Protein backbone atom coordinates (compact mmCIF):
# COMPACT_ATOMS: atom_id res chain seq x y z
CA UNK A 1 115.40 93.94 116.45
CA UNK A 2 114.45 91.09 114.15
CA UNK A 3 112.66 91.83 110.90
CA UNK A 4 109.54 89.73 111.50
CA UNK A 5 108.13 87.85 114.49
CA UNK A 6 109.84 84.50 115.03
CA UNK A 7 106.58 82.54 114.92
CA UNK A 8 105.65 84.18 111.64
CA UNK A 9 109.13 83.52 110.29
CA UNK A 10 108.83 79.84 111.17
CA UNK A 11 105.51 79.64 109.36
CA UNK A 12 107.00 81.32 106.30
CA UNK A 13 110.00 79.00 106.21
CA UNK A 14 107.80 75.94 106.59
CA UNK A 15 105.65 77.09 103.70
CA UNK A 16 108.67 77.61 101.47
CA UNK A 17 109.39 73.88 101.24
CA UNK A 18 106.21 73.26 99.23
CA UNK A 19 105.44 76.76 98.05
CA UNK A 20 103.35 77.17 94.90
CA UNK A 21 104.53 79.71 92.35
CA UNK A 22 102.74 83.07 92.04
CA UNK A 23 101.06 81.78 88.88
CA UNK A 24 99.82 78.71 90.73
CA UNK A 25 98.59 80.86 93.60
CA UNK A 26 96.62 83.07 91.20
CA UNK A 27 95.14 80.01 89.50
CA UNK A 28 94.11 78.47 92.84
CA UNK A 29 92.39 81.68 93.92
CA UNK A 30 90.62 81.97 90.58
CA UNK A 31 89.43 78.38 90.90
CA UNK A 32 87.92 79.15 94.32
CA UNK A 33 86.15 82.19 92.91
CA UNK A 34 84.91 80.47 89.75
CA UNK A 35 83.35 77.73 91.86
CA UNK A 36 80.97 80.45 93.14
CA UNK A 37 80.53 82.00 89.67
CA UNK A 38 82.80 84.92 90.47
CA UNK A 39 85.13 86.43 87.87
CA UNK A 40 88.41 88.26 88.14
CA UNK A 41 88.56 91.96 87.35
CA UNK A 42 91.60 94.23 87.12
CA UNK A 43 91.15 97.84 88.18
CA UNK A 44 93.55 100.60 87.16
CA UNK A 45 93.84 102.65 90.34
CA UNK A 46 96.53 105.23 89.80
CA UNK A 47 99.94 103.90 90.77
CA UNK A 48 98.67 100.32 91.02
CA UNK A 49 96.55 97.90 89.03
CA UNK A 50 94.53 95.97 91.59
CA UNK A 51 93.00 92.51 91.23
CA UNK A 52 89.40 92.02 92.32
CA UNK A 53 86.89 89.21 92.18
CA UNK A 54 83.14 89.66 92.08
CA UNK A 55 80.00 87.75 91.11
CA UNK A 56 79.32 87.52 87.40
CA UNK A 57 77.10 89.32 86.68
CA UNK A 58 77.38 91.63 89.69
CA UNK A 59 73.87 92.31 91.05
CA UNK A 60 72.86 95.88 91.82
CA UNK A 61 72.17 96.58 95.47
CA UNK A 62 72.10 99.61 97.70
CA UNK A 63 74.81 98.06 99.91
CA UNK A 64 78.08 96.50 98.84
CA UNK A 65 80.45 94.65 101.15
CA UNK A 66 84.07 94.69 100.01
CA UNK A 67 86.70 92.38 101.51
CA UNK A 68 90.34 93.51 101.55
CA UNK A 69 93.13 90.94 101.60
CA UNK A 70 95.88 90.66 104.22
CA UNK A 71 99.57 91.34 103.67
CA UNK A 72 100.02 88.09 101.76
CA UNK A 73 103.38 86.40 101.25
CA UNK A 74 105.52 89.38 102.20
CA UNK A 75 108.68 87.61 103.43
CA UNK A 76 110.59 84.69 101.89
CA UNK A 77 112.79 84.39 105.00
CA UNK A 78 113.20 86.31 108.28
CA UNK A 79 115.48 88.80 106.49
CA UNK A 80 114.53 88.49 102.83
CA UNK A 81 111.33 89.98 101.34
CA UNK A 82 109.41 87.85 98.87
CA UNK A 83 109.61 88.78 95.21
CA UNK A 84 105.82 88.47 94.87
CA UNK A 85 103.33 89.06 97.72
CA UNK A 86 100.48 86.99 96.27
CA UNK A 87 98.99 85.13 99.26
CA UNK A 88 99.66 81.45 99.78
CA UNK A 89 96.23 81.27 101.41
CA UNK A 90 93.89 84.14 100.40
CA UNK A 91 91.85 84.21 103.59
CA UNK A 92 89.97 87.41 102.78
CA UNK A 93 88.86 85.91 99.46
CA UNK A 94 87.60 82.84 101.31
CA UNK A 95 85.75 85.09 103.76
CA UNK A 96 84.11 86.96 100.91
CA UNK A 97 83.02 83.75 99.21
CA UNK A 98 81.62 82.47 102.53
CA UNK A 99 79.46 85.50 103.32
CA UNK A 100 75.95 84.03 103.47
CA UNK A 101 74.00 86.97 102.05
CA UNK A 102 74.30 90.40 100.52
CA UNK A 103 76.20 91.85 97.58
CA UNK A 104 79.93 91.12 97.93
CA UNK A 105 83.21 91.82 96.16
CA UNK A 106 86.86 91.15 96.95
CA UNK A 107 89.87 93.40 96.50
CA UNK A 108 93.49 92.30 96.62
CA UNK A 109 96.33 94.45 97.88
CA UNK A 110 98.81 96.10 95.52
CA UNK A 111 101.05 93.65 93.61
CA UNK A 112 99.03 90.59 94.66
CA UNK A 113 97.72 88.28 91.90
CA UNK A 114 99.56 90.45 89.36
CA UNK A 115 103.05 89.77 88.03
CA UNK A 116 104.91 91.91 90.55
CA UNK A 117 108.21 91.82 88.65
CA UNK A 118 106.67 92.62 85.28
CA UNK A 119 104.68 95.54 86.70
CA UNK A 120 107.72 96.90 88.54
CA UNK A 121 106.06 96.72 91.95
CA UNK A 122 108.45 97.99 94.60
CA UNK A 123 109.11 95.61 97.48
CA UNK A 124 108.41 98.45 99.92
CA UNK A 125 104.71 98.21 99.08
CA UNK A 126 104.41 94.84 100.82
CA UNK A 127 106.96 95.61 103.54
CA UNK A 128 107.58 99.02 105.15
CA UNK A 129 105.16 101.01 102.95
CA UNK A 130 102.35 98.46 102.95
CA UNK A 131 99.97 101.06 104.45
CA UNK A 132 101.38 104.10 102.64
CA UNK A 133 99.34 106.99 101.28
CA UNK A 134 99.69 105.72 97.70
CA UNK A 135 98.47 102.24 98.72
CA UNK A 136 95.47 103.64 100.59
CA UNK A 137 94.64 106.06 97.76
CA UNK A 138 94.73 103.27 95.16
CA UNK A 139 92.52 101.05 97.30
CA UNK A 140 90.10 103.94 97.83
CA UNK A 141 89.93 104.50 94.07
CA UNK A 142 89.33 100.81 93.33
CA UNK A 143 86.57 100.67 95.94
CA UNK A 144 84.90 103.58 94.18
CA UNK A 145 84.95 101.64 90.91
CA UNK A 146 83.44 98.52 92.50
CA UNK A 147 80.78 100.63 94.21
CA UNK A 148 79.79 102.28 90.94
CA UNK A 149 79.64 98.96 89.10
CA UNK A 150 77.36 97.54 91.81
CA UNK A 151 75.08 100.57 91.81
CA UNK A 152 75.62 100.81 95.57
CA UNK A 153 75.25 103.82 97.86
CA UNK A 154 76.45 102.32 101.15
CA UNK A 155 79.62 100.37 101.85
CA UNK A 156 80.71 97.80 104.38
CA UNK A 157 84.46 97.20 104.42
CA UNK A 158 85.90 93.96 105.80
CA UNK A 159 89.66 93.67 106.20
CA UNK A 160 91.71 90.65 107.18
CA UNK A 161 95.01 91.13 109.06
CA UNK A 162 96.87 94.00 107.35
CA UNK A 163 93.80 94.45 105.19
CA UNK A 164 92.07 95.57 108.37
CA UNK A 165 94.45 98.52 108.55
CA UNK A 166 93.74 99.42 104.92
CA UNK A 167 89.98 99.09 105.47
CA UNK A 168 90.14 101.40 108.49
CA UNK A 169 92.28 103.97 106.70
CA UNK A 170 89.93 104.01 103.70
CA UNK A 171 86.85 104.21 105.94
CA UNK A 172 88.32 107.25 107.67
CA UNK A 173 88.46 109.21 104.42
CA UNK A 174 85.16 108.22 102.79
CA UNK A 175 81.65 109.32 103.71
CA UNK A 176 79.89 106.27 102.27
CA UNK A 177 81.47 103.65 104.56
CA UNK A 178 79.18 103.21 107.56
CA UNK A 179 80.29 99.71 108.61
CA UNK A 180 83.83 98.51 109.24
CA UNK A 181 84.64 94.90 110.13
CA UNK A 182 88.15 93.60 110.76
CA UNK A 183 89.34 90.05 111.25
CA UNK A 184 92.66 89.67 113.09
CA UNK A 185 93.24 93.27 112.01
CA UNK A 186 96.47 95.17 112.56
CA UNK A 187 94.95 98.46 113.73
CA UNK A 188 98.02 100.05 115.31
CA UNK A 189 101.18 99.03 113.53
CA UNK A 190 103.37 101.12 115.84
CA UNK A 191 102.19 99.10 118.85
CA UNK A 192 102.44 95.93 116.75
CA UNK A 193 106.05 96.45 115.72
CA UNK A 194 106.98 97.45 119.27
CA UNK A 195 105.37 94.34 120.74
CA UNK A 196 107.09 92.03 118.26
CA UNK A 197 110.39 93.95 118.45
CA UNK A 198 110.57 94.53 114.71
CA UNK A 199 111.49 97.64 112.79
CA UNK A 200 108.78 100.32 112.48
CA UNK A 201 106.83 100.52 109.23
CA UNK A 202 108.39 103.76 108.02
CA UNK A 203 106.24 105.43 105.38
CA UNK A 204 103.00 103.72 106.46
CA UNK A 205 99.87 105.45 107.70
CA UNK A 206 98.44 104.16 110.99
CA UNK A 207 94.72 103.59 111.68
CA UNK A 208 95.17 104.59 115.32
CA UNK A 209 95.82 108.13 114.12
CA UNK A 210 92.34 108.20 112.54
CA UNK A 211 90.29 107.51 115.68
CA UNK A 212 88.52 110.89 115.46
CA UNK A 213 87.40 110.29 111.86
CA UNK A 214 86.43 106.68 112.59
CA UNK A 215 84.06 107.61 115.40
CA UNK A 216 81.27 108.07 112.84
CA UNK A 217 81.70 104.52 111.50
CA UNK A 218 80.11 101.51 113.22
CA UNK A 219 82.82 98.92 113.82
CA UNK A 220 83.22 95.27 114.75
CA UNK A 221 86.69 93.81 115.32
CA UNK A 222 87.15 90.03 115.42
CA UNK A 223 90.29 88.63 117.03
CA UNK A 224 91.41 85.17 118.09
CA UNK A 225 92.32 84.55 121.72
CA UNK A 226 95.14 82.30 120.47
CA UNK A 227 96.47 84.85 117.98
CA UNK A 228 100.15 85.55 118.62
CA UNK A 229 100.60 87.70 115.50
CA UNK A 230 97.86 90.24 116.28
CA UNK A 231 97.05 89.48 119.94
CA UNK A 232 93.73 90.59 121.46
CA UNK A 233 95.40 93.22 123.64
CA UNK A 234 96.44 95.20 120.57
CA UNK A 235 92.86 95.29 119.32
CA UNK A 236 91.36 96.18 122.69
CA UNK A 237 93.96 98.94 123.13
CA UNK A 238 92.89 100.42 119.79
CA UNK A 239 89.23 100.33 120.79
CA UNK A 240 90.01 101.92 124.17
CA UNK A 241 91.11 105.08 122.37
CA UNK A 242 87.50 105.77 121.39
CA UNK A 243 85.34 107.79 123.79
CA UNK A 244 82.75 105.90 125.87
CA UNK A 245 79.56 105.41 123.90
CA UNK A 246 81.44 105.33 120.59
CA UNK A 247 83.69 102.36 121.22
CA UNK A 248 83.66 99.64 118.57
CA UNK A 249 82.62 96.10 119.37
CA UNK A 250 85.41 93.56 119.93
CA UNK A 251 84.56 89.90 119.39
CA UNK A 252 87.19 87.53 120.79
CA UNK A 253 86.96 83.94 119.55
CA UNK A 254 88.48 81.68 122.26
CA UNK A 255 89.83 78.91 120.01
CA UNK A 256 90.90 80.97 116.99
CA UNK A 257 94.38 82.18 116.09
CA UNK A 258 95.55 84.44 113.26
CA UNK A 259 94.53 82.04 110.49
CA UNK A 260 92.30 79.41 112.05
CA UNK A 261 89.37 79.24 111.78
CA UNK A 262 88.00 82.42 110.26
CA UNK A 263 87.17 81.27 106.75
CA UNK A 264 85.79 77.90 107.84
CA UNK A 265 83.44 79.51 110.38
CA UNK A 266 82.63 82.78 108.63
CA UNK A 267 79.15 81.80 107.48
CA UNK A 268 78.16 81.35 111.13
CA UNK A 269 80.16 84.34 112.45
CA UNK A 270 78.71 86.83 109.96
CA UNK A 271 75.10 86.62 111.24
CA UNK A 272 76.34 87.48 114.75
CA UNK A 273 77.13 91.03 113.68
CA UNK A 274 74.33 93.24 115.04
CA UNK A 275 73.97 95.39 111.93
CA UNK A 276 70.36 96.24 112.72
CA UNK A 277 71.11 97.63 116.16
CA UNK A 278 71.11 101.46 116.18
């Protein structure tokens, strides 16, 4: 088995030739956020200190939508993990900034936008243990902080790629998340690693094991028909595990792949979610 899918490896290697440093990546993300009058916030969440961005000041609202970032820059080569997982292109942050209405915040994954070497982040937390109990627990804790600061009672979680797995795992353990949205979400990493012929994510929790708990949460799962990293069949197979009448909505965008064109089109995709339907 190879360590990561060949197409993903090619994309990683191509990016390496002009790759910005972690500091430059953090600065670029902060510039995007500041353009919308958002500020960075660091949340101590147990094992991890997580980076978040939110409007400044953050308005109080009964509902808060929190976006969770993807896996980021996890691999420097097909066999070598990156030393810092800060995303080259923070798609979930761009999605959050593009949401046309409502109270919104963004939450990075562990070790992203923070000096991973200085904080002694273990490489396992952006490779095999990216969905581990300690990662999910820290994210859950940080979400609680953002909720309290916003004065919210209800939560919508939106996860991009691997952030979709984290969003689902957090939603399964909270009673205040009533809406779950994923974008190119990896919702069954066992099926994902098997399909791509890569090593299993030992030490990671799997959203597919939480189907019973997730039946109480309304869900919408976006996926691109051209996505070769998280293909539509993986998402539809996850949804098929739910009983009839409780199956989440799958929205397949014909011309989209794993990256294109979610952020660019999000302001028009968001209103298509039928939140008001019972």
